[in-house]
Amino acid sequence: MVALKAAAAERFVEKPDPKCRLMLVYGPDTGLVSERAHQIAGALATGLGGEVEPFDPDSSSEPGLLFDAATSLSLFGGQQVILVRATSKQIAGIVAAIVEHDGAAPLVVEAGDLKPSAPLRKLAEGHAAAVTIPCYTDSAEAIGRLVDTTCSKAGLHIEADARDALVSLLGGDRLATRGELEKLRNYCAGESNVTLDDVMAVCGDASALLLDDAIDAVALGNAHDAETTLRRAVESGTAIPAIIAALSRHFLQLRAARLLVEEGNTAESAMRAMRPPVFFKRQTVFKRQLSAWRHDAIDEALERIQTADAATRLNADLNTELAGRLVLSLAGMARRR
């Protein structure tokens, strides 16, 4: 078993190993899971001279049909690649039988946020001919690369402040991010530059702005506003893993800026030095946070965020409760500053 992350995962997506019998793509970012699974299946089928055979076990009352599909010869020649969406625990037994069957088609399985104890994940992590690719919420750097690639392919130059704003507004789900970038590309068709006004007109959606407000309320110690705004963000479609990832990015940025201030830089120069720089509409509240938090307290906050992140991955059913506890914990720290 090989667990692929970050750059290794991207390389595998572009050029999957034809010797792999099982490729499990899973995680809380359902958009990224779907995108990577389809890319792997397509690239693998092309390399093997075959085709992708999508299969949904829920489309039939007979799960054994998946085994039949994976072990039958392709009608069009070449090696077929089975792409299947795992929607129940029962699929693990069928997948195990397929992987052990000589001559069976390679399997690309997309799944949700699997616990380490999940049968499918245990199977893939314990098999020598399998790889697992966990898909978590995109980092600011990954979002920035997507923005740059999209604009470059469209022949567009994105201005620095527009790029910074766009990165801060995206990232909850890979497919949603791609959708927003596609809308921006269409909006700017025929132009040469992407401006801040363009970004705010297309991508300044309410859920992203609500999330910013919730994070600022947390970091300023306003627990009531943080809980209220966070609940509204969730109701508008923001996933709990995306919220925790956004909290982590914010406190990492706050720590980097705080260290610069402690070295003698002004708050303004520290904010300008951030990559991405602090979004101009948040600079006033960010400056207040810089004054309130010392780097050792920020380190403690980041530890709490990391602990909560791990807990939500192990207990997906308790995501909302765990996120609520984290928000109250961080807001309590801020009030004591």
C-alpha atoms as a PDB file:
ATOM      1  CA  MET A   1       0.000   0.000   0.000  1.00  0.00           C
ATOM      2  CA  VAL A   2       1.119   3.510  -0.778  1.00  0.00           C
ATOM      3  CA  ALA A   3      -0.639   6.528   0.740  1.00  0.00           C
ATOM      4  CA  LEU A   4      -0.153   9.432  -1.626  1.00  0.00           C
ATOM      5  CA  LYS A   5      -0.378  13.022  -0.505  1.00  0.00           C
ATOM      6  CA  ALA A   6       0.348  16.491  -1.893  1.00  0.00           C
ATOM      7  CA  ALA A   7       2.792  16.488  -4.830  1.00  0.00           C
ATOM      8  CA  ALA A   8       2.973  12.677  -4.996  1.00  0.00           C
ATOM      9  CA  ALA A   9      -0.800  12.511  -5.379  1.00  0.00           C
ATOM     10  CA  GLU A  10      -0.756  15.085  -8.169  1.00  0.00           C
ATOM     11  CA  ARG A  11       1.928  13.124 -10.030  1.00  0.00           C
ATOM     12  CA  PHE A  12      -0.014   9.893  -9.673  1.00  0.00           C
ATOM     13  CA  VAL A  13      -3.203  11.548 -10.925  1.00  0.00           C
ATOM     14  CA  GLU A  14      -1.384  12.663 -14.073  1.00  0.00           C
ATOM     15  CA  LYS A  15       0.408   9.338 -14.613  1.00  0.00           C
ATOM     16  CA  PRO A  16      -1.090   6.468 -12.589  1.00  0.00           C
ATOM     17  CA  ASP A  17       0.891   3.257 -12.151  1.00  0.00           C
ATOM     18  CA  PRO A  18      -0.639   0.593 -14.441  1.00  0.00           C
ATOM     19  CA  LYS A  19       0.478  -2.101 -11.978  1.00  0.00           C
ATOM     20  CA  CYS A  20      -1.963  -0.857  -9.341  1.00  0.00           C
ATOM     21  CA  ARG A  21      -5.060  -3.020  -8.954  1.00  0.00           C
ATOM     22  CA  LEU A  22      -6.976  -0.739  -6.588  1.00  0.00           C
ATOM     23  CA  MET A  23      -6.921   3.040  -6.296  1.00  0.00           C
ATOM     24  CA  LEU A  24      -9.002   4.403  -3.413  1.00  0.00           C
ATOM     25  CA  VAL A  25      -9.681   8.139  -3.549  1.00  0.00           C
ATOM     26  CA  TYR A  26     -11.469   9.384  -0.447  1.00  0.00           C
ATOM     27  CA  GLY A  27     -11.898  12.353   1.883  1.00  0.00           C
ATOM     28  CA  PRO A  28     -14.141  15.214   2.990  1.00  0.00           C
ATOM     29  CA  ASP A  29     -13.595  17.289  -0.165  1.00  0.00           C
ATOM     30  CA  THR A  30     -16.073  15.433  -2.365  1.00  0.00           C
ATOM     31  CA  GLY A  31     -15.299  17.665  -5.314  1.00  0.00           C
ATOM     32  CA  LEU A  32     -11.586  16.866  -5.202  1.00  0.00           C
ATOM     33  CA  VAL A  33     -12.361  13.161  -4.677  1.00  0.00           C
ATOM     34  CA  SER A  34     -14.529  13.086  -7.799  1.00  0.00           C
ATOM     35  CA  GLU A  35     -12.075  15.108  -9.874  1.00  0.00           C
ATOM     36  CA  ARG A  36      -9.070  12.962  -8.986  1.00  0.00           C
ATOM     37  CA  ALA A  37     -10.917   9.652  -9.370  1.00  0.00           C
ATOM     38  CA  HIS A  38     -12.113  10.569 -12.857  1.00  0.00           C
ATOM     39  CA  GLN A  39      -8.667  11.865 -13.855  1.00  0.00           C
ATOM     40  CA  ILE A  40      -6.953   8.688 -12.641  1.00  0.00           C
ATOM     41  CA  ALA A  41      -9.451   6.431 -14.397  1.00  0.00           C
ATOM     42  CA  GLY A  42      -9.153   8.385 -17.645  1.00  0.00           C
ATOM     43  CA  ALA A  43      -5.353   8.483 -17.633  1.00  0.00           C
ATOM     44  CA  LEU A  44      -5.110   4.806 -16.716  1.00  0.00           C
ATOM     45  CA  ALA A  45      -7.538   3.746 -19.448  1.00  0.00           C
ATOM     46  CA  THR A  46      -5.646   5.790 -22.031  1.00  0.00           C
ATOM     47  CA  GLY A  47      -2.348   4.208 -21.014  1.00  0.00           C
ATOM     48  CA  LEU A  48      -3.820   0.705 -21.177  1.00  0.00           C
ATOM     49  CA  GLY A  49      -5.524   1.294 -24.512  1.00  0.00           C
ATOM     50  CA  GLY A  50      -8.951   0.693 -23.016  1.00  0.00           C
ATOM     51  CA  GLU A  51     -11.871   2.671 -21.714  1.00  0.00           C
ATOM     52  CA  VAL A  52     -13.429   3.773 -18.439  1.00  0.00           C
ATOM     53  CA  GLU A  53     -16.427   1.742 -17.318  1.00  0.00           C
ATOM     54  CA  PRO A  54     -18.433   3.711 -14.708  1.00  0.00           C
ATOM     55  CA  PHE A  55     -20.344   1.506 -12.299  1.00  0.00           C
ATOM     56  CA  ASP A  56     -22.726   2.485  -9.509  1.00  0.00           C
ATOM     57  CA  PRO A  57     -23.510  -0.457  -7.207  1.00  0.00           C
ATOM     58  CA  ASP A  58     -26.653   1.289  -6.016  1.00  0.00           C
ATOM     59  CA  SER A  59     -28.061   1.081  -9.538  1.00  0.00           C
ATOM     60  CA  SER A  60     -28.663  -2.627  -9.010  1.00  0.00           C
ATOM     61  CA  SER A  61     -29.967  -4.783  -6.201  1.00  0.00           C
ATOM     62  CA  GLU A  62     -27.224  -7.303  -7.026  1.00  0.00           C
ATOM     63  CA  PRO A  63     -23.773  -6.026  -5.865  1.00  0.00           C
ATOM     64  CA  GLY A  64     -22.161  -9.071  -7.502  1.00  0.00           C
ATOM     65  CA  LEU A  65     -22.674  -7.361 -10.847  1.00  0.00           C
ATOM     66  CA  LEU A  66     -19.642  -5.235  -9.997  1.00  0.00           C
ATOM     67  CA  PHE A  67     -17.540  -8.404  -9.830  1.00  0.00           C
ATOM     68  CA  ASP A  68     -18.952  -9.542 -13.169  1.00  0.00           C
ATOM     69  CA  ALA A  69     -18.181  -6.168 -14.762  1.00  0.00           C
ATOM     70  CA  ALA A  70     -14.611  -6.157 -13.462  1.00  0.00           C
ATOM     71  CA  THR A  71     -13.828  -9.721 -14.516  1.00  0.00           C
ATOM     72  CA  SER A  72     -15.397  -9.728 -17.982  1.00  0.00           C
ATOM     73  CA  LEU A  73     -13.521  -8.890 -21.166  1.00  0.00           C
ATOM     74  CA  SER A  74     -13.959  -5.473 -22.742  1.00  0.00           C
ATOM     75  CA  LEU A  75     -16.125  -5.494 -25.855  1.00  0.00           C
ATOM     76  CA  PHE A  76     -13.920  -2.855 -27.464  1.00  0.00           C
ATOM     77  CA  GLY A  77     -10.488  -4.348 -26.840  1.00  0.00           C
ATOM     78  CA  GLY A  78      -7.843  -3.083 -24.471  1.00  0.00           C
ATOM     79  CA  GLN A  79      -8.024  -3.097 -20.704  1.00  0.00           C
ATOM     80  CA  GLN A  80     -11.124  -1.527 -19.218  1.00  0.00           C
ATOM     81  CA  VAL A  81     -10.877   0.469 -15.988  1.00  0.00           C
ATOM     82  CA  ILE A  82     -13.768   0.270 -13.531  1.00  0.00           C
ATOM     83  CA  LEU A  83     -14.735   3.551 -11.856  1.00  0.00           C
ATOM     84  CA  VAL A  84     -17.063   2.972  -8.938  1.00  0.00           C
ATOM     85  CA  ARG A  85     -18.568   5.196  -6.268  1.00  0.00           C
ATOM     86  CA  ALA A  86     -18.632   3.520  -2.861  1.00  0.00           C
ATOM     87  CA  THR A  87     -21.915   4.206  -1.113  1.00  0.00           C
ATOM     88  CA  SER A  88     -22.045   1.338   1.395  1.00  0.00           C
ATOM     89  CA  LYS A  89     -19.756  -0.839   3.517  1.00  0.00           C
ATOM     90  CA  GLN A  90     -20.836  -3.920   1.585  1.00  0.00           C
ATOM     91  CA  ILE A  91     -18.735  -2.919  -1.400  1.00  0.00           C
ATOM     92  CA  ALA A  92     -15.496  -3.724   0.467  1.00  0.00           C
ATOM     93  CA  GLY A  93     -16.052  -7.483   0.163  1.00  0.00           C
ATOM     94  CA  ILE A  94     -16.669  -7.306  -3.587  1.00  0.00           C
ATOM     95  CA  VAL A  95     -13.645  -5.031  -4.066  1.00  0.00           C
ATOM     96  CA  ALA A  96     -11.449  -7.475  -2.125  1.00  0.00           C
ATOM     97  CA  ALA A  97     -12.559 -10.353  -4.351  1.00  0.00           C
ATOM     98  CA  ILE A  98     -11.887  -8.347  -7.511  1.00  0.00           C
ATOM     99  CA  VAL A  99      -8.391  -7.292  -6.434  1.00  0.00           C
ATOM    100  CA  GLU A 100      -7.440 -10.923  -5.793  1.00  0.00           C
ATOM    101  CA  HIS A 101      -8.907 -12.168  -9.092  1.00  0.00           C
ATOM    102  CA  ASP A 102      -6.291 -12.713 -11.818  1.00  0.00           C
ATOM    103  CA  GLY A 103      -7.032 -10.653 -14.896  1.00  0.00           C
ATOM    104  CA  ALA A 104      -9.636  -8.430 -13.253  1.00  0.00           C
ATOM    105  CA  ALA A 105      -9.862  -4.829 -14.385  1.00  0.00           C
ATOM    106  CA  PRO A 106      -8.171  -2.141 -12.289  1.00  0.00           C
ATOM    107  CA  LEU A 107     -10.555  -0.476  -9.844  1.00  0.00           C
ATOM    108  CA  VAL A 108     -10.736   3.242  -9.123  1.00  0.00           C
ATOM    109  CA  VAL A 109     -13.000   3.748  -6.123  1.00  0.00           C
ATOM    110  CA  GLU A 110     -14.233   7.131  -4.919  1.00  0.00           C
ATOM    111  CA  ALA A 111     -15.512   7.376  -1.368  1.00  0.00           C
ATOM    112  CA  GLY A 112     -16.377   9.870   1.345  1.00  0.00           C
ATOM    113  CA  ASP A 113     -14.472  10.732   4.508  1.00  0.00           C
ATOM    114  CA  LEU A 114     -13.547   7.208   5.622  1.00  0.00           C
ATOM    115  CA  LYS A 115     -12.441   6.456   9.167  1.00  0.00           C
ATOM    116  CA  PRO A 116      -9.250   4.374   9.576  1.00  0.00           C
ATOM    117  CA  SER A 117     -11.487   1.501  10.698  1.00  0.00           C
ATOM    118  CA  ALA A 118     -13.638   1.607   7.545  1.00  0.00           C
ATOM    119  CA  PRO A 119     -13.437  -1.786   5.759  1.00  0.00           C
ATOM    120  CA  LEU A 120     -12.645  -0.257   2.374  1.00  0.00           C
ATOM    121  CA  ARG A 121      -9.860   1.923   3.737  1.00  0.00           C
ATOM    122  CA  LYS A 122      -8.384  -0.962   5.760  1.00  0.00           C
ATOM    123  CA  LEU A 123      -8.428  -3.118   2.636  1.00  0.00           C
ATOM    124  CA  ALA A 124      -6.630  -0.542   0.491  1.00  0.00           C
ATOM    125  CA  GLU A 125      -4.105   0.409   3.162  1.00  0.00           C
ATOM    126  CA  GLY A 126      -3.209  -3.226   3.713  1.00  0.00           C
ATOM    127  CA  HIS A 127      -2.863  -4.363   0.100  1.00  0.00           C
ATOM    128  CA  ALA A 128       0.463  -4.259  -1.734  1.00  0.00           C
ATOM    129  CA  ALA A 129      -1.166  -3.522  -5.103  1.00  0.00           C
ATOM    130  CA  ALA A 130      -3.301  -0.626  -3.859  1.00  0.00           C
ATOM    131  CA  VAL A 131      -2.822   3.093  -3.379  1.00  0.00           C
ATOM    132  CA  THR A 132      -4.895   5.452  -1.274  1.00  0.00           C
ATOM    133  CA  ILE A 133      -5.267   9.137  -2.057  1.00  0.00           C
ATOM    134  CA  PRO A 134      -6.874  11.153   0.756  1.00  0.00           C
ATOM    135  CA  CYS A 135      -8.448  14.414  -0.394  1.00  0.00           C
ATOM    136  CA  TYR A 136      -8.647  17.223   2.122  1.00  0.00           C
ATOM    137  CA  THR A 137      -9.567  20.856   1.674  1.00  0.00           C
ATOM    138  CA  ASP A 138      -7.189  22.766  -0.615  1.00  0.00           C
ATOM    139  CA  SER A 139      -4.508  24.922   1.010  1.00  0.00           C
ATOM    140  CA  ALA A 140      -4.105  28.568   0.033  1.00  0.00           C
ATOM    141  CA  GLU A 141      -1.068  27.578  -2.048  1.00  0.00           C
ATOM    142  CA  ALA A 142      -3.034  24.924  -3.936  1.00  0.00           C
ATOM    143  CA  ILE A 143      -5.880  27.355  -4.592  1.00  0.00           C
ATOM    144  CA  GLY A 144      -3.371  29.909  -5.827  1.00  0.00           C
ATOM    145  CA  ARG A 145      -1.934  27.397  -8.290  1.00  0.00           C
ATOM    146  CA  LEU A 146      -5.436  26.614  -9.585  1.00  0.00           C
ATOM    147  CA  VAL A 147      -6.121  30.319 -10.035  1.00  0.00           C
ATOM    148  CA  ASP A 148      -2.841  30.873 -11.891  1.00  0.00           C
ATOM    149  CA  THR A 149      -3.331  27.842 -14.139  1.00  0.00           C
ATOM    150  CA  THR A 150      -6.916  28.759 -14.996  1.00  0.00           C
ATOM    151  CA  CYS A 151      -6.060  32.360 -15.825  1.00  0.00           C
ATOM    152  CA  SER A 152      -2.989  31.364 -17.829  1.00  0.00           C
ATOM    153  CA  LYS A 153      -4.951  28.891 -19.951  1.00  0.00           C
ATOM    154  CA  ALA A 154      -7.583  31.562 -20.588  1.00  0.00           C
ATOM    155  CA  GLY A 155      -4.972  34.152 -21.597  1.00  0.00           C
ATOM    156  CA  LEU A 156      -5.846  36.336 -18.618  1.00  0.00           C
ATOM    157  CA  HIS A 157      -3.565  38.249 -16.276  1.00  0.00           C
ATOM    158  CA  ILE A 158      -4.974  38.446 -12.761  1.00  0.00           C
ATOM    159  CA  GLU A 159      -3.967  41.507 -10.763  1.00  0.00           C
ATOM    160  CA  ALA A 160      -2.292  40.899  -7.402  1.00  0.00           C
ATOM    161  CA  ASP A 161      -5.101  42.238  -5.218  1.00  0.00           C
ATOM    162  CA  ALA A 162      -7.660  40.325  -7.272  1.00  0.00           C
ATOM    163  CA  ARG A 163      -5.669  37.101  -6.855  1.00  0.00           C
ATOM    164  CA  ASP A 164      -5.354  37.585  -3.103  1.00  0.00           C
ATOM    165  CA  ALA A 165      -9.085  38.198  -2.764  1.00  0.00           C
ATOM    166  CA  LEU A 166      -9.933  35.216  -4.946  1.00  0.00           C
ATOM    167  CA  VAL A 167      -7.713  32.852  -2.951  1.00  0.00           C
ATOM    168  CA  SER A 168      -9.361  34.009   0.276  1.00  0.00           C
ATOM    169  CA  LEU A 169     -12.850  33.380  -1.131  1.00  0.00           C
ATOM    170  CA  LEU A 170     -12.270  29.885  -2.524  1.00  0.00           C
ATOM    171  CA  GLY A 171     -11.344  26.495  -1.152  1.00  0.00           C
ATOM    172  CA  GLY A 172     -14.261  24.679   0.489  1.00  0.00           C
ATOM    173  CA  ASP A 173     -14.672  22.125  -2.296  1.00  0.00           C
ATOM    174  CA  ARG A 174     -12.566  21.506  -5.417  1.00  0.00           C
ATOM    175  CA  LEU A 175     -15.523  21.265  -7.815  1.00  0.00           C
ATOM    176  CA  ALA A 176     -17.042  24.405  -6.318  1.00  0.00           C
ATOM    177  CA  THR A 177     -13.684  26.156  -6.737  1.00  0.00           C
ATOM    178  CA  ARG A 178     -13.477  25.069 -10.375  1.00  0.00           C
ATOM    179  CA  GLY A 179     -17.045  26.260 -10.897  1.00  0.00           C
ATOM    180  CA  GLU A 180     -16.243  29.701  -9.490  1.00  0.00           C
ATOM    181  CA  LEU A 181     -13.101  29.954 -11.621  1.00  0.00           C
ATOM    182  CA  GLU A 182     -15.081  28.968 -14.710  1.00  0.00           C
ATOM    183  CA  LYS A 183     -17.654  31.682 -13.958  1.00  0.00           C
ATOM    184  CA  LEU A 184     -14.854  34.207 -13.557  1.00  0.00           C
ATOM    185  CA  ARG A 185     -13.234  33.089 -16.816  1.00  0.00           C
ATOM    186  CA  ASN A 186     -16.514  33.511 -18.686  1.00  0.00           C
ATOM    187  CA  TYR A 187     -17.168  36.867 -17.021  1.00  0.00           C
ATOM    188  CA  CYS A 188     -13.771  38.165 -18.146  1.00  0.00           C
ATOM    189  CA  ALA A 189     -13.913  36.701 -21.667  1.00  0.00           C
ATOM    190  CA  GLY A 190     -12.574  39.216 -24.156  1.00  0.00           C
ATOM    191  CA  GLU A 191     -10.600  41.088 -21.495  1.00  0.00           C
ATOM    192  CA  SER A 192      -6.887  40.873 -20.808  1.00  0.00           C
ATOM    193  CA  ASN A 193      -6.905  41.487 -17.040  1.00  0.00           C
ATOM    194  CA  VAL A 194      -8.887  40.195 -14.066  1.00  0.00           C
ATOM    195  CA  THR A 195      -9.485  42.975 -11.541  1.00  0.00           C
ATOM    196  CA  LEU A 196     -10.624  43.004  -7.918  1.00  0.00           C
ATOM    197  CA  ASP A 197     -14.008  44.317  -9.040  1.00  0.00           C
ATOM    198  CA  ASP A 198     -14.343  41.312 -11.365  1.00  0.00           C
ATOM    199  CA  VAL A 199     -13.586  38.897  -8.528  1.00  0.00           C
ATOM    200  CA  MET A 200     -16.036  40.492  -6.113  1.00  0.00           C
ATOM    201  CA  ALA A 201     -18.744  40.652  -8.767  1.00  0.00           C
ATOM    202  CA  VAL A 202     -18.471  36.944  -9.552  1.00  0.00           C
ATOM    203  CA  CYS A 203     -17.075  35.186  -6.478  1.00  0.00           C
ATOM    204  CA  GLY A 204     -17.896  37.376  -3.487  1.00  0.00           C
ATOM    205  CA  ASP A 205     -20.616  34.996  -2.344  1.00  0.00           C
ATOM    206  CA  ALA A 206     -22.382  35.207   0.978  1.00  0.00           C
ATOM    207  CA  SER A 207     -21.104  31.896   2.399  1.00  0.00           C
ATOM    208  CA  ALA A 208     -17.429  32.844   1.956  1.00  0.00           C
ATOM    209  CA  LEU A 209     -17.984  36.258   3.498  1.00  0.00           C
ATOM    210  CA  LEU A 210     -19.898  34.669   6.375  1.00  0.00           C
ATOM    211  CA  LEU A 211     -16.961  32.352   7.008  1.00  0.00           C
ATOM    212  CA  ASP A 212     -14.576  35.314   7.158  1.00  0.00           C
ATOM    213  CA  ASP A 213     -16.882  37.025   9.648  1.00  0.00           C
ATOM    214  CA  ALA A 214     -17.064  33.873  11.775  1.00  0.00           C
ATOM    215  CA  ILE A 215     -13.278  33.494  11.869  1.00  0.00           C
ATOM    216  CA  ASP A 216     -12.777  37.133  12.812  1.00  0.00           C
ATOM    217  CA  ALA A 217     -15.369  36.819  15.582  1.00  0.00           C
ATOM    218  CA  VAL A 218     -13.520  33.770  16.928  1.00  0.00           C
ATOM    219  CA  ALA A 219     -10.132  35.496  16.883  1.00  0.00           C
ATOM    220  CA  LEU A 220     -11.561  38.578  18.611  1.00  0.00           C
ATOM    221  CA  GLY A 221     -13.243  36.530  21.340  1.00  0.00           C
ATOM    222  CA  ASN A 222     -16.858  37.182  20.373  1.00  0.00           C
ATOM    223  CA  ALA A 223     -18.252  33.698  20.952  1.00  0.00           C
ATOM    224  CA  HIS A 224     -21.903  34.590  20.370  1.00  0.00           C
ATOM    225  CA  ASP A 225     -21.269  36.230  16.989  1.00  0.00           C
ATOM    226  CA  ALA A 226     -18.891  33.418  16.033  1.00  0.00           C
ATOM    227  CA  GLU A 227     -21.462  30.704  16.754  1.00  0.00           C
ATOM    228  CA  THR A 228     -24.260  32.581  15.004  1.00  0.00           C
ATOM    229  CA  THR A 229     -22.228  33.381  11.897  1.00  0.00           C
ATOM    230  CA  LEU A 230     -20.739  29.897  11.780  1.00  0.00           C
ATOM    231  CA  ARG A 231     -24.199  28.338  11.872  1.00  0.00           C
ATOM    232  CA  ARG A 232     -25.313  30.566   9.004  1.00  0.00           C
ATOM    233  CA  ALA A 233     -22.215  29.594   7.004  1.00  0.00           C
ATOM    234  CA  VAL A 234     -22.992  25.895   7.496  1.00  0.00           C
ATOM    235  CA  GLU A 235     -26.627  26.454   6.532  1.00  0.00           C
ATOM    236  CA  SER A 236     -25.465  28.190   3.347  1.00  0.00           C
ATOM    237  CA  GLY A 237     -23.458  25.124   2.339  1.00  0.00           C
ATOM    238  CA  THR A 238     -19.995  25.502   3.883  1.00  0.00           C
ATOM    239  CA  ALA A 239     -18.685  22.115   5.064  1.00  0.00           C
ATOM    240  CA  ILE A 240     -17.257  21.660   8.568  1.00  0.00           C
ATOM    241  CA  PRO A 241     -13.845  20.441   7.252  1.00  0.00           C
ATOM    242  CA  ALA A 242     -13.635  23.603   5.140  1.00  0.00           C
ATOM    243  CA  ILE A 243     -14.366  25.740   8.208  1.00  0.00           C
ATOM    244  CA  ILE A 244     -11.640  24.061  10.253  1.00  0.00           C
ATOM    245  CA  ALA A 245      -9.191  24.370   7.347  1.00  0.00           C
ATOM    246  CA  ALA A 246     -10.026  28.079   7.066  1.00  0.00           C
ATOM    247  CA  LEU A 247      -9.418  28.539  10.805  1.00  0.00           C
ATOM    248  CA  SER A 248      -6.050  26.828  10.437  1.00  0.00           C
ATOM    249  CA  ARG A 249      -5.032  29.032   7.492  1.00  0.00           C
ATOM    250  CA  HIS A 250      -6.093  32.154   9.370  1.00  0.00           C
ATOM    251  CA  PHE A 251      -4.152  31.374  12.544  1.00  0.00           C
ATOM    252  CA  LEU A 252      -1.086  30.321  10.545  1.00  0.00           C
ATOM    253  CA  GLN A 253      -1.213  33.669   8.779  1.00  0.00           C
ATOM    254  CA  LEU A 254      -1.778  35.455  12.091  1.00  0.00           C
ATOM    255  CA  ARG A 255       1.258  33.687  13.569  1.00  0.00           C
ATOM    256  CA  ALA A 256       3.502  34.637  10.643  1.00  0.00           C
ATOM    257  CA  ALA A 257       2.400  38.269  10.873  1.00  0.00           C
ATOM    258  CA  ARG A 258       2.762  38.306  14.667  1.00  0.00           C
ATOM    259  CA  LEU A 259       6.362  37.074  14.448  1.00  0.00           C
ATOM    260  CA  LEU A 260       7.160  39.912  12.038  1.00  0.00           C
ATOM    261  CA  VAL A 261       5.630  42.422  14.458  1.00  0.00           C
ATOM    262  CA  GLU A 262       7.658  40.977  17.347  1.00  0.00           C
ATOM    263  CA  GLU A 263      10.773  41.444  15.193  1.00  0.00           C
ATOM    264  CA  GLY A 264      10.013  45.167  14.990  1.00  0.00           C
ATOM    265  CA  ASN A 265       7.902  45.465  11.838  1.00  0.00           C
ATOM    266  CA  THR A 266       4.721  47.510  11.779  1.00  0.00           C
ATOM    267  CA  ALA A 267       1.371  45.754  11.566  1.00  0.00           C
ATOM    268  CA  GLU A 268       0.821  47.287   8.134  1.00  0.00           C
ATOM    269  CA  SER A 269       4.111  45.997   6.711  1.00  0.00           C
ATOM    270  CA  ALA A 270       3.524  42.584   8.292  1.00  0.00           C
ATOM    271  CA  MET A 271       0.116  42.309   6.621  1.00  0.00           C
ATOM    272  CA  ARG A 272       1.604  43.307   3.263  1.00  0.00           C
ATOM    273  CA  ALA A 273       4.274  40.622   3.636  1.00  0.00           C
ATOM    274  CA  MET A 274       1.733  37.809   3.973  1.00  0.00           C
ATOM    275  CA  ARG A 275       1.219  35.449   1.024  1.00  0.00           C
ATOM    276  CA  PRO A 276      -1.529  35.919   0.212  1.00  0.00           C
ATOM    277  CA  PRO A 277      -1.624  39.404   1.789  1.00  0.00           C
ATOM    278  CA  VAL A 278      -4.465  40.158   4.174  1.00  0.00           C
ATOM    279  CA  PHE A 279      -7.577  41.037   2.179  1.00  0.00           C
ATOM    280  CA  PHE A 280      -8.032  44.815   2.390  1.00  0.00           C
ATOM    281  CA  LYS A 281     -11.561  44.601   3.805  1.00  0.00           C
ATOM    282  CA  ARG A 282     -10.256  42.562   6.760  1.00  0.00           C
ATOM    283  CA  GLN A 283      -7.149  44.578   7.568  1.00  0.00           C
ATOM    284  CA  THR A 284      -8.714  46.567  10.419  1.00  0.00           C
ATOM    285  CA  VAL A 285      -9.909  43.502  12.343  1.00  0.00           C
ATOM    286  CA  PHE A 286      -6.713  41.598  11.510  1.00  0.00           C
ATOM    287  CA  LYS A 287      -4.674  44.421  13.019  1.00  0.00           C
ATOM    288  CA  ARG A 288      -6.732  44.158  16.217  1.00  0.00           C
ATOM    289  CA  GLN A 289      -6.012  40.439  16.323  1.00  0.00           C
ATOM    290  CA  LEU A 290      -2.293  41.087  15.877  1.00  0.00           C
ATOM    291  CA  SER A 291      -2.385  43.282  18.962  1.00  0.00           C
ATOM    292  CA  ALA A 292      -4.343  40.754  21.007  1.00  0.00           C
ATOM    293  CA  TRP A 293      -2.519  37.507  20.231  1.00  0.00           C
ATOM    294  CA  ARG A 294       1.102  36.599  21.047  1.00  0.00           C
ATOM    295  CA  HIS A 295       2.791  33.891  19.015  1.00  0.00           C
ATOM    296  CA  ASP A 296       2.845  31.369  21.900  1.00  0.00           C
ATOM    297  CA  ALA A 297      -0.932  31.695  22.286  1.00  0.00           C
ATOM    298  CA  ILE A 298      -1.359  31.308  18.532  1.00  0.00           C
ATOM    299  CA  ASP A 299       0.702  28.107  18.710  1.00  0.00           C
ATOM    300  CA  GLU A 300      -1.688  26.775  21.354  1.00  0.00           C
ATOM    301  CA  ALA A 301      -4.668  27.735  19.177  1.00  0.00           C
ATOM    302  CA  LEU A 302      -3.147  25.894  16.212  1.00  0.00           C
ATOM    303  CA  GLU A 303      -2.664  22.787  18.359  1.00  0.00           C
ATOM    304  CA  ARG A 304      -6.345  22.902  19.313  1.00  0.00           C
ATOM    305  CA  ILE A 305      -7.339  23.306  15.669  1.00  0.00           C
ATOM    306  CA  GLN A 306      -5.146  20.359  14.654  1.00  0.00           C
ATOM    307  CA  THR A 307      -6.663  18.207  17.409  1.00  0.00           C
ATOM    308  CA  ALA A 308     -10.194  19.139  16.337  1.00  0.00           C
ATOM    309  CA  ASP A 309      -9.341  18.444  12.691  1.00  0.00           C
ATOM    310  CA  ALA A 310      -8.135  14.943  13.558  1.00  0.00           C
ATOM    311  CA  ALA A 311     -11.200  14.339  15.731  1.00  0.00           C
ATOM    312  CA  THR A 312     -13.622  15.310  12.957  1.00  0.00           C
ATOM    313  CA  ARG A 313     -11.935  12.891  10.553  1.00  0.00           C
ATOM    314  CA  LEU A 314     -12.342  10.068  13.043  1.00  0.00           C
ATOM    315  CA  ASN A 315     -15.883  11.029  14.086  1.00  0.00           C
ATOM    316  CA  ALA A 316     -17.605  12.481  11.037  1.00  0.00           C
ATOM    317  CA  ASP A 317     -21.019  12.183  12.704  1.00  0.00           C
ATOM    318  CA  LEU A 318     -19.889  14.633  15.408  1.00  0.00           C
ATOM    319  CA  ASN A 319     -18.401  17.227  13.039  1.00  0.00           C
ATOM    320  CA  THR A 320     -20.796  20.026  13.952  1.00  0.00           C
ATOM    321  CA  GLU A 321     -20.472  19.452  17.701  1.00  0.00           C
ATOM    322  CA  LEU A 322     -16.676  19.255  17.536  1.00  0.00           C
ATOM    323  CA  ALA A 323     -16.458  22.422  15.447  1.00  0.00           C
ATOM    324  CA  GLY A 324     -18.709  24.222  17.926  1.00  0.00           C
ATOM    325  CA  ARG A 325     -16.461  23.221  20.813  1.00  0.00           C
ATOM    326  CA  LEU A 326     -13.421  24.436  18.898  1.00  0.00           C
ATOM    327  CA  VAL A 327     -15.014  27.809  18.195  1.00  0.00           C
ATOM    328  CA  LEU A 328     -15.914  28.325  21.865  1.00  0.00           C
ATOM    329  CA  SER A 329     -12.442  27.219  22.945  1.00  0.00           C
ATOM    330  CA  LEU A 330     -10.646  29.634  20.610  1.00  0.00           C
ATOM    331  CA  ALA A 331     -12.990  32.505  21.412  1.00  0.00           C
ATOM    332  CA  GLY A 332     -12.354  31.875  25.107  1.00  0.00           C
ATOM    333  CA  MET A 333      -8.614  32.116  24.506  1.00  0.00           C
ATOM    334  CA  ALA A 334      -9.102  35.407  22.683  1.00  0.00           C
ATOM    335  CA  ARG A 335     -11.132  36.896  25.545  1.00  0.00           C
ATOM    336  CA  ARG A 336      -8.269  36.163  27.927  1.00  0.00           C
ATOM    337  CA  ARG A 337      -5.724  38.044  25.849  1.00  0.00           C
END
